[in-house]
Amino acid sequence: MILPPGTPLIDVALTKMKKAIVCCELAPGEKLKVAELSKTYGLSSSPIREALNRLTQDGVVEASDNKGFRVAPISATDFRDITRMRCLLECEALSDAIQYGDDEWEADVLGAFHRLNLIEKKLGSGALVLDDEWSARHKAFHFALFAACPSPLLLKMIDSLFDRAERYRRFSAQQRTTQRHKGNEHQVLMEAALGRDREKAVTLLRDHIQETLGRIVEAIERRQATLQ
């Protein structure tokens, strides 16, 4: 991951640690020791500690007065809650975007879909969600759909939940042998949005979000069974 020159050290620490957590390089429940993280990322303890506090606010790190920091554990209950909130917030943002989106919004959505489609063709039948570039383009497509929503606060909340869900998607993908490709789902969602069919687009988005719920809950329960 390449960050622009002059990026504040807190943002450097935040970006690197969040990526490691979302990608499950730092495992759920793993203790996060400031000294070890400072050595790993070549940063002093101050930006590391501040980044950990921000990640606690994002819900991917837990803090305790007695036990310090650790990566937030995964649970079926947590993922169900994330999924419910994503449905509520993302559907609202998409509805607003369809109402307010202009020609530039439509062009940006088409461009984001095209870039996502290109990498899906390049990667073939592999686990797409485990590829960093696919994940970045996938998120960019979804946020292109929401971009015309006039509420910065709503978009900020969606961004946080999207990343929390990404950690679960990565966790699930690491365990399964058959992969789910969403290209057709993305296309029909895009067509409904650009066709200004708000009801259809919102229904498609809700189904798109909820489709992963059962599979990921199954993966969590299977992991918990092996640990007992």
C-alpha atoms as a PDB file:
ATOM      1  CA  MET A   1       0.000   0.000   0.000  1.00  0.00           C
ATOM      2  CA  ILE A   2       1.514   3.303  -1.154  1.00  0.00           C
ATOM      3  CA  LEU A   3       0.557   6.418   0.785  1.00  0.00           C
ATOM      4  CA  PRO A   4       1.205   9.970  -0.488  1.00  0.00           C
ATOM      5  CA  PRO A   5       4.382  11.669   0.771  1.00  0.00           C
ATOM      6  CA  GLY A   6       3.714  13.746   3.843  1.00  0.00           C
ATOM      7  CA  THR A   7       0.814  11.604   5.071  1.00  0.00           C
ATOM      8  CA  PRO A   8       0.475  12.187   8.854  1.00  0.00           C
ATOM      9  CA  LEU A   9       1.989   9.342  10.864  1.00  0.00           C
ATOM     10  CA  ILE A  10      -1.310   8.668  12.633  1.00  0.00           C
ATOM     11  CA  ASP A  11      -2.975   8.157   9.249  1.00  0.00           C
ATOM     12  CA  VAL A  12      -0.122   5.897   8.144  1.00  0.00           C
ATOM     13  CA  ALA A  13      -0.569   3.730  11.236  1.00  0.00           C
ATOM     14  CA  LEU A  14      -4.342   3.782  10.914  1.00  0.00           C
ATOM     15  CA  THR A  15      -4.330   2.765   7.249  1.00  0.00           C
ATOM     16  CA  LYS A  16      -1.803  -0.040   7.664  1.00  0.00           C
ATOM     17  CA  MET A  17      -3.347  -1.544  10.771  1.00  0.00           C
ATOM     18  CA  LYS A  18      -6.892  -1.321   9.466  1.00  0.00           C
ATOM     19  CA  LYS A  19      -5.858  -3.106   6.268  1.00  0.00           C
ATOM     20  CA  ALA A  20      -4.113  -5.830   8.287  1.00  0.00           C
ATOM     21  CA  ILE A  21      -7.232  -6.322  10.423  1.00  0.00           C
ATOM     22  CA  VAL A  22      -9.704  -6.264   7.523  1.00  0.00           C
ATOM     23  CA  CYS A  23      -7.542  -8.725   5.566  1.00  0.00           C
ATOM     24  CA  CYS A  24      -7.331 -10.989   8.657  1.00  0.00           C
ATOM     25  CA  GLU A  25      -3.535 -10.680   8.751  1.00  0.00           C
ATOM     26  CA  LEU A  26      -4.135  -9.662  12.351  1.00  0.00           C
ATOM     27  CA  ALA A  27      -6.474 -12.414  13.499  1.00  0.00           C
ATOM     28  CA  PRO A  28      -9.754 -11.890  15.353  1.00  0.00           C
ATOM     29  CA  GLY A  29      -9.062 -11.742  19.090  1.00  0.00           C
ATOM     30  CA  GLU A  30      -5.305 -11.228  18.632  1.00  0.00           C
ATOM     31  CA  LYS A  31      -3.619  -9.018  21.237  1.00  0.00           C
ATOM     32  CA  LEU A  32      -2.245  -5.775  19.854  1.00  0.00           C
ATOM     33  CA  LYS A  33       0.878  -4.710  21.706  1.00  0.00           C
ATOM     34  CA  VAL A  34       1.943  -1.149  21.045  1.00  0.00           C
ATOM     35  CA  ALA A  35       5.674  -1.930  21.216  1.00  0.00           C
ATOM     36  CA  GLU A  36       5.414  -4.790  18.715  1.00  0.00           C
ATOM     37  CA  LEU A  37       3.272  -2.745  16.337  1.00  0.00           C
ATOM     38  CA  SER A  38       5.739   0.156  16.568  1.00  0.00           C
ATOM     39  CA  LYS A  39       8.525  -2.170  15.505  1.00  0.00           C
ATOM     40  CA  THR A  40       6.477  -3.764  12.714  1.00  0.00           C
ATOM     41  CA  TYR A  41       5.461  -0.464  11.133  1.00  0.00           C
ATOM     42  CA  GLY A  42       8.571   1.548  12.008  1.00  0.00           C
ATOM     43  CA  LEU A  43       6.583   4.169  13.909  1.00  0.00           C
ATOM     44  CA  SER A  44       6.725   5.554  17.422  1.00  0.00           C
ATOM     45  CA  SER A  45       4.211   4.496  20.030  1.00  0.00           C
ATOM     46  CA  SER A  46       2.231   7.763  19.879  1.00  0.00           C
ATOM     47  CA  PRO A  47       0.714   7.376  16.374  1.00  0.00           C
ATOM     48  CA  ILE A  48       0.225   3.642  16.979  1.00  0.00           C
ATOM     49  CA  ARG A  49      -1.737   4.260  20.158  1.00  0.00           C
ATOM     50  CA  GLU A  50      -3.846   7.014  18.568  1.00  0.00           C
ATOM     51  CA  ALA A  51      -4.583   4.777  15.565  1.00  0.00           C
ATOM     52  CA  LEU A  52      -5.664   1.969  17.899  1.00  0.00           C
ATOM     53  CA  ASN A  53      -8.045   4.348  19.657  1.00  0.00           C
ATOM     54  CA  ARG A  54      -9.578   5.341  16.320  1.00  0.00           C
ATOM     55  CA  LEU A  55      -9.896   1.706  15.275  1.00  0.00           C
ATOM     56  CA  THR A  56     -11.716   1.077  18.533  1.00  0.00           C
ATOM     57  CA  GLN A  57     -14.245   3.709  17.473  1.00  0.00           C
ATOM     58  CA  ASP A  58     -14.556   1.921  14.105  1.00  0.00           C
ATOM     59  CA  GLY A  59     -15.430  -1.321  15.891  1.00  0.00           C
ATOM     60  CA  VAL A  60     -12.528  -3.446  14.610  1.00  0.00           C
ATOM     61  CA  VAL A  61     -10.398  -3.114  17.765  1.00  0.00           C
ATOM     62  CA  GLU A  62     -11.445  -3.544  21.396  1.00  0.00           C
ATOM     63  CA  ALA A  63      -9.817  -1.727  24.309  1.00  0.00           C
ATOM     64  CA  SER A  64      -9.674  -2.663  27.979  1.00  0.00           C
ATOM     65  CA  ASP A  65      -8.109  -0.800  30.900  1.00  0.00           C
ATOM     66  CA  ASN A  66      -6.575  -4.022  32.182  1.00  0.00           C
ATOM     67  CA  LYS A  67      -5.853  -5.974  28.994  1.00  0.00           C
ATOM     68  CA  GLY A  68      -4.896  -3.279  26.493  1.00  0.00           C
ATOM     69  CA  PHE A  69      -5.943  -3.613  22.850  1.00  0.00           C
ATOM     70  CA  ARG A  70      -6.964  -6.609  20.799  1.00  0.00           C
ATOM     71  CA  VAL A  71      -8.526  -7.223  17.410  1.00  0.00           C
ATOM     72  CA  ALA A  72     -12.295  -7.365  17.791  1.00  0.00           C
ATOM     73  CA  PRO A  73     -13.515 -10.970  17.769  1.00  0.00           C
ATOM     74  CA  ILE A  74     -15.912 -12.169  15.106  1.00  0.00           C
ATOM     75  CA  SER A  75     -19.367 -13.472  15.904  1.00  0.00           C
ATOM     76  CA  ALA A  76     -22.558 -14.364  14.094  1.00  0.00           C
ATOM     77  CA  THR A  77     -24.431 -11.832  16.240  1.00  0.00           C
ATOM     78  CA  ASP A  78     -22.085  -9.023  15.257  1.00  0.00           C
ATOM     79  CA  PHE A  79     -22.278  -9.860  11.549  1.00  0.00           C
ATOM     80  CA  ARG A  80     -26.063 -10.047  11.628  1.00  0.00           C
ATOM     81  CA  ASP A  81     -26.095  -6.583  13.216  1.00  0.00           C
ATOM     82  CA  ILE A  82     -23.652  -5.211  10.628  1.00  0.00           C
ATOM     83  CA  THR A  83     -25.776  -6.671   7.832  1.00  0.00           C
ATOM     84  CA  ARG A  84     -28.979  -5.168   9.231  1.00  0.00           C
ATOM     85  CA  MET A  85     -27.419  -1.727   9.554  1.00  0.00           C
ATOM     86  CA  ARG A  86     -25.895  -1.908   6.082  1.00  0.00           C
ATOM     87  CA  CYS A  87     -29.291  -2.703   4.602  1.00  0.00           C
ATOM     88  CA  LEU A  88     -30.873   0.252   6.340  1.00  0.00           C
ATOM     89  CA  LEU A  89     -28.159   2.804   5.566  1.00  0.00           C
ATOM     90  CA  GLU A  90     -27.002   1.726   2.113  1.00  0.00           C
ATOM     91  CA  CYS A  91     -30.539   1.411   0.774  1.00  0.00           C
ATOM     92  CA  GLU A  92     -31.294   4.920   2.021  1.00  0.00           C
ATOM     93  CA  ALA A  93     -28.123   6.286   0.421  1.00  0.00           C
ATOM     94  CA  LEU A  94     -28.848   4.557  -2.891  1.00  0.00           C
ATOM     95  CA  SER A  95     -32.398   5.886  -2.938  1.00  0.00           C
ATOM     96  CA  ASP A  96     -31.083   9.411  -2.365  1.00  0.00           C
ATOM     97  CA  ALA A  97     -28.393   8.988  -5.017  1.00  0.00           C
ATOM     98  CA  ILE A  98     -30.928   7.902  -7.618  1.00  0.00           C
ATOM     99  CA  GLN A  99     -33.026  10.947  -6.774  1.00  0.00           C
ATOM    100  CA  TYR A 100     -30.183  13.472  -6.897  1.00  0.00           C
ATOM    101  CA  GLY A 101     -27.662  11.869  -9.273  1.00  0.00           C
ATOM    102  CA  ASP A 102     -26.791  13.777 -12.447  1.00  0.00           C
ATOM    103  CA  ASP A 103     -25.017  12.895 -15.695  1.00  0.00           C
ATOM    104  CA  GLU A 104     -21.615  12.946 -13.991  1.00  0.00           C
ATOM    105  CA  TRP A 105     -22.865  10.512 -11.350  1.00  0.00           C
ATOM    106  CA  GLU A 106     -24.099   8.147 -14.053  1.00  0.00           C
ATOM    107  CA  ALA A 107     -20.749   8.316 -15.864  1.00  0.00           C
ATOM    108  CA  ASP A 108     -18.845   7.609 -12.644  1.00  0.00           C
ATOM    109  CA  VAL A 109     -21.043   4.578 -11.878  1.00  0.00           C
ATOM    110  CA  LEU A 110     -20.477   3.205 -15.397  1.00  0.00           C
ATOM    111  CA  GLY A 111     -16.727   3.756 -15.076  1.00  0.00           C
ATOM    112  CA  ALA A 112     -16.529   2.058 -11.677  1.00  0.00           C
ATOM    113  CA  PHE A 113     -18.508  -0.924 -12.961  1.00  0.00           C
ATOM    114  CA  HIS A 114     -16.267  -1.199 -16.022  1.00  0.00           C
ATOM    115  CA  ARG A 115     -13.109  -1.214 -13.891  1.00  0.00           C
ATOM    116  CA  LEU A 116     -14.597  -3.866 -11.606  1.00  0.00           C
ATOM    117  CA  ASN A 117     -15.671  -5.986 -14.563  1.00  0.00           C
ATOM    118  CA  LEU A 118     -12.197  -5.796 -16.106  1.00  0.00           C
ATOM    119  CA  ILE A 119     -10.439  -7.171 -13.036  1.00  0.00           C
ATOM    120  CA  GLU A 120     -13.047  -9.917 -12.604  1.00  0.00           C
ATOM    121  CA  LYS A 121     -12.295 -11.093 -16.149  1.00  0.00           C
ATOM    122  CA  LYS A 122      -8.566 -10.937 -15.410  1.00  0.00           C
ATOM    123  CA  LEU A 123      -8.791 -12.914 -12.161  1.00  0.00           C
ATOM    124  CA  GLY A 124     -11.094 -15.605 -13.512  1.00  0.00           C
ATOM    125  CA  SER A 125     -12.492 -18.134 -11.040  1.00  0.00           C
ATOM    126  CA  GLY A 126     -10.279 -17.377  -8.032  1.00  0.00           C
ATOM    127  CA  ALA A 127     -11.370 -16.004  -4.664  1.00  0.00           C
ATOM    128  CA  LEU A 128     -12.035 -12.433  -5.759  1.00  0.00           C
ATOM    129  CA  VAL A 129     -12.532 -11.022  -2.275  1.00  0.00           C
ATOM    130  CA  LEU A 130      -9.007 -12.103  -1.307  1.00  0.00           C
ATOM    131  CA  ASP A 131      -7.506  -9.946  -4.063  1.00  0.00           C
ATOM    132  CA  ASP A 132      -6.711  -6.442  -2.797  1.00  0.00           C
ATOM    133  CA  GLU A 133      -7.265  -4.741  -6.144  1.00  0.00           C
ATOM    134  CA  TRP A 134     -10.640  -6.422  -6.640  1.00  0.00           C
ATOM    135  CA  SER A 135     -11.670  -5.420  -3.123  1.00  0.00           C
ATOM    136  CA  ALA A 136     -10.695  -1.804  -3.795  1.00  0.00           C
ATOM    137  CA  ARG A 137     -12.623  -1.707  -7.087  1.00  0.00           C
ATOM    138  CA  HIS A 138     -15.594  -3.479  -5.524  1.00  0.00           C
ATOM    139  CA  LYS A 139     -15.825  -0.869  -2.789  1.00  0.00           C
ATOM    140  CA  ALA A 140     -15.331   1.914  -5.341  1.00  0.00           C
ATOM    141  CA  PHE A 141     -18.269   0.612  -7.379  1.00  0.00           C
ATOM    142  CA  HIS A 142     -20.596   0.539  -4.393  1.00  0.00           C
ATOM    143  CA  PHE A 143     -19.555   4.018  -3.320  1.00  0.00           C
ATOM    144  CA  ALA A 144     -19.951   5.339  -6.869  1.00  0.00           C
ATOM    145  CA  LEU A 145     -23.585   4.244  -6.576  1.00  0.00           C
ATOM    146  CA  PHE A 146     -23.956   6.162  -3.303  1.00  0.00           C
ATOM    147  CA  ALA A 147     -21.906   9.193  -4.337  1.00  0.00           C
ATOM    148  CA  ALA A 148     -24.850  11.457  -5.175  1.00  0.00           C
ATOM    149  CA  CYS A 149     -26.312  10.985  -1.691  1.00  0.00           C
ATOM    150  CA  PRO A 150     -26.169  14.455  -0.090  1.00  0.00           C
ATOM    151  CA  SER A 151     -25.407  13.257   3.467  1.00  0.00           C
ATOM    152  CA  PRO A 152     -21.677  13.071   4.351  1.00  0.00           C
ATOM    153  CA  LEU A 153     -22.540  11.584   7.763  1.00  0.00           C
ATOM    154  CA  LEU A 154     -24.553   8.770   6.193  1.00  0.00           C
ATOM    155  CA  LEU A 155     -21.723   7.976   3.773  1.00  0.00           C
ATOM    156  CA  LYS A 156     -19.179   7.979   6.619  1.00  0.00           C
ATOM    157  CA  MET A 157     -21.253   5.482   8.597  1.00  0.00           C
ATOM    158  CA  ILE A 158     -21.643   3.284   5.509  1.00  0.00           C
ATOM    159  CA  ASP A 159     -17.882   3.363   4.936  1.00  0.00           C
ATOM    160  CA  SER A 160     -17.172   2.090   8.451  1.00  0.00           C
ATOM    161  CA  LEU A 161     -19.740  -0.711   8.220  1.00  0.00           C
ATOM    162  CA  PHE A 162     -18.577  -1.710   4.746  1.00  0.00           C
ATOM    163  CA  ASP A 163     -15.032  -2.250   6.051  1.00  0.00           C
ATOM    164  CA  ARG A 164     -16.310  -4.215   9.039  1.00  0.00           C
ATOM    165  CA  ALA A 165     -18.272  -6.455   6.670  1.00  0.00           C
ATOM    166  CA  GLU A 166     -15.202  -6.828   4.455  1.00  0.00           C
ATOM    167  CA  ARG A 167     -13.339  -8.488   7.325  1.00  0.00           C
ATOM    168  CA  TYR A 168     -16.084 -11.101   7.573  1.00  0.00           C
ATOM    169  CA  ARG A 169     -16.107 -11.628   3.793  1.00  0.00           C
ATOM    170  CA  ARG A 170     -12.364 -12.239   3.833  1.00  0.00           C
ATOM    171  CA  PHE A 171     -12.662 -14.599   6.772  1.00  0.00           C
ATOM    172  CA  SER A 172     -15.353 -16.611   4.999  1.00  0.00           C
ATOM    173  CA  ALA A 173     -13.497 -16.673   1.669  1.00  0.00           C
ATOM    174  CA  GLN A 174     -10.387 -18.115   3.317  1.00  0.00           C
ATOM    175  CA  GLN A 175     -12.395 -21.161   4.396  1.00  0.00           C
ATOM    176  CA  ARG A 176     -14.577 -22.002   1.420  1.00  0.00           C
ATOM    177  CA  THR A 177     -13.695 -23.972  -1.687  1.00  0.00           C
ATOM    178  CA  THR A 178     -16.391 -22.659  -4.033  1.00  0.00           C
ATOM    179  CA  GLN A 179     -16.400 -18.977  -4.845  1.00  0.00           C
ATOM    180  CA  ARG A 180     -19.266 -16.604  -5.425  1.00  0.00           C
ATOM    181  CA  HIS A 181     -18.912 -14.178  -8.330  1.00  0.00           C
ATOM    182  CA  LYS A 182     -21.175 -11.155  -8.171  1.00  0.00           C
ATOM    183  CA  GLY A 183     -20.660  -9.640 -11.634  1.00  0.00           C
ATOM    184  CA  ASN A 184     -24.235 -10.184 -12.794  1.00  0.00           C
ATOM    185  CA  GLU A 185     -25.614  -8.901  -9.478  1.00  0.00           C
ATOM    186  CA  HIS A 186     -23.579  -5.724  -9.857  1.00  0.00           C
ATOM    187  CA  GLN A 187     -24.718  -5.242 -13.445  1.00  0.00           C
ATOM    188  CA  VAL A 188     -28.435  -5.558 -12.750  1.00  0.00           C
ATOM    189  CA  LEU A 189     -28.052  -3.306  -9.701  1.00  0.00           C
ATOM    190  CA  MET A 190     -26.282  -0.688 -11.814  1.00  0.00           C
ATOM    191  CA  GLU A 191     -28.897  -0.896 -14.573  1.00  0.00           C
ATOM    192  CA  ALA A 192     -31.744  -0.418 -12.090  1.00  0.00           C
ATOM    193  CA  ALA A 193     -29.997   2.569 -10.498  1.00  0.00           C
ATOM    194  CA  LEU A 194     -29.198   4.257 -13.801  1.00  0.00           C
ATOM    195  CA  GLY A 195     -32.719   3.480 -14.994  1.00  0.00           C
ATOM    196  CA  ARG A 196     -33.942   5.484 -11.965  1.00  0.00           C
ATOM    197  CA  ASP A 197     -35.995   2.544 -10.722  1.00  0.00           C
ATOM    198  CA  ARG A 198     -35.547   3.265  -7.022  1.00  0.00           C
ATOM    199  CA  GLU A 199     -37.742   0.458  -5.718  1.00  0.00           C
ATOM    200  CA  LYS A 200     -36.058  -2.216  -7.832  1.00  0.00           C
ATOM    201  CA  ALA A 201     -32.546  -0.913  -7.143  1.00  0.00           C
ATOM    202  CA  VAL A 202     -33.103  -0.814  -3.381  1.00  0.00           C
ATOM    203  CA  THR A 203     -34.539  -4.350  -3.403  1.00  0.00           C
ATOM    204  CA  LEU A 204     -31.574  -5.633  -5.429  1.00  0.00           C
ATOM    205  CA  LEU A 205     -29.087  -3.948  -3.106  1.00  0.00           C
ATOM    206  CA  ARG A 206     -30.781  -5.364  -0.009  1.00  0.00           C
ATOM    207  CA  ASP A 207     -30.727  -8.871  -1.497  1.00  0.00           C
ATOM    208  CA  HIS A 208     -27.085  -8.367  -2.531  1.00  0.00           C
ATOM    209  CA  ILE A 209     -26.082  -7.494   1.028  1.00  0.00           C
ATOM    210  CA  GLN A 210     -28.164 -10.206   2.694  1.00  0.00           C
ATOM    211  CA  GLU A 211     -27.046 -13.006   0.368  1.00  0.00           C
ATOM    212  CA  THR A 212     -23.734 -13.329   2.192  1.00  0.00           C
ATOM    213  CA  LEU A 213     -25.302 -13.585   5.639  1.00  0.00           C
ATOM    214  CA  GLY A 214     -26.065 -17.308   5.757  1.00  0.00           C
ATOM    215  CA  ARG A 215     -22.752 -18.367   4.276  1.00  0.00           C
ATOM    216  CA  ILE A 216     -20.663 -16.229   6.602  1.00  0.00           C
ATOM    217  CA  VAL A 217     -22.631 -17.231   9.698  1.00  0.00           C
ATOM    218  CA  GLU A 218     -22.044 -20.864   8.700  1.00  0.00           C
ATOM    219  CA  ALA A 219     -18.306 -20.205   8.379  1.00  0.00           C
ATOM    220  CA  ILE A 220     -18.219 -18.585  11.829  1.00  0.00           C
ATOM    221  CA  GLU A 221     -20.105 -21.443  13.446  1.00  0.00           C
ATOM    222  CA  ARG A 222     -17.877 -24.009  11.733  1.00  0.00           C
ATOM    223  CA  ARG A 223     -14.765 -22.236  13.064  1.00  0.00           C
ATOM    224  CA  GLN A 224     -16.194 -22.068  16.584  1.00  0.00           C
ATOM    225  CA  ALA A 225     -17.007 -25.785  16.472  1.00  0.00           C
ATOM    226  CA  THR A 226     -13.366 -26.615  15.656  1.00  0.00           C
ATOM    227  CA  LEU A 227     -12.170 -24.544  18.636  1.00  0.00           C
ATOM    228  CA  GLN A 228     -14.360 -26.344  21.174  1.00  0.00           C
END
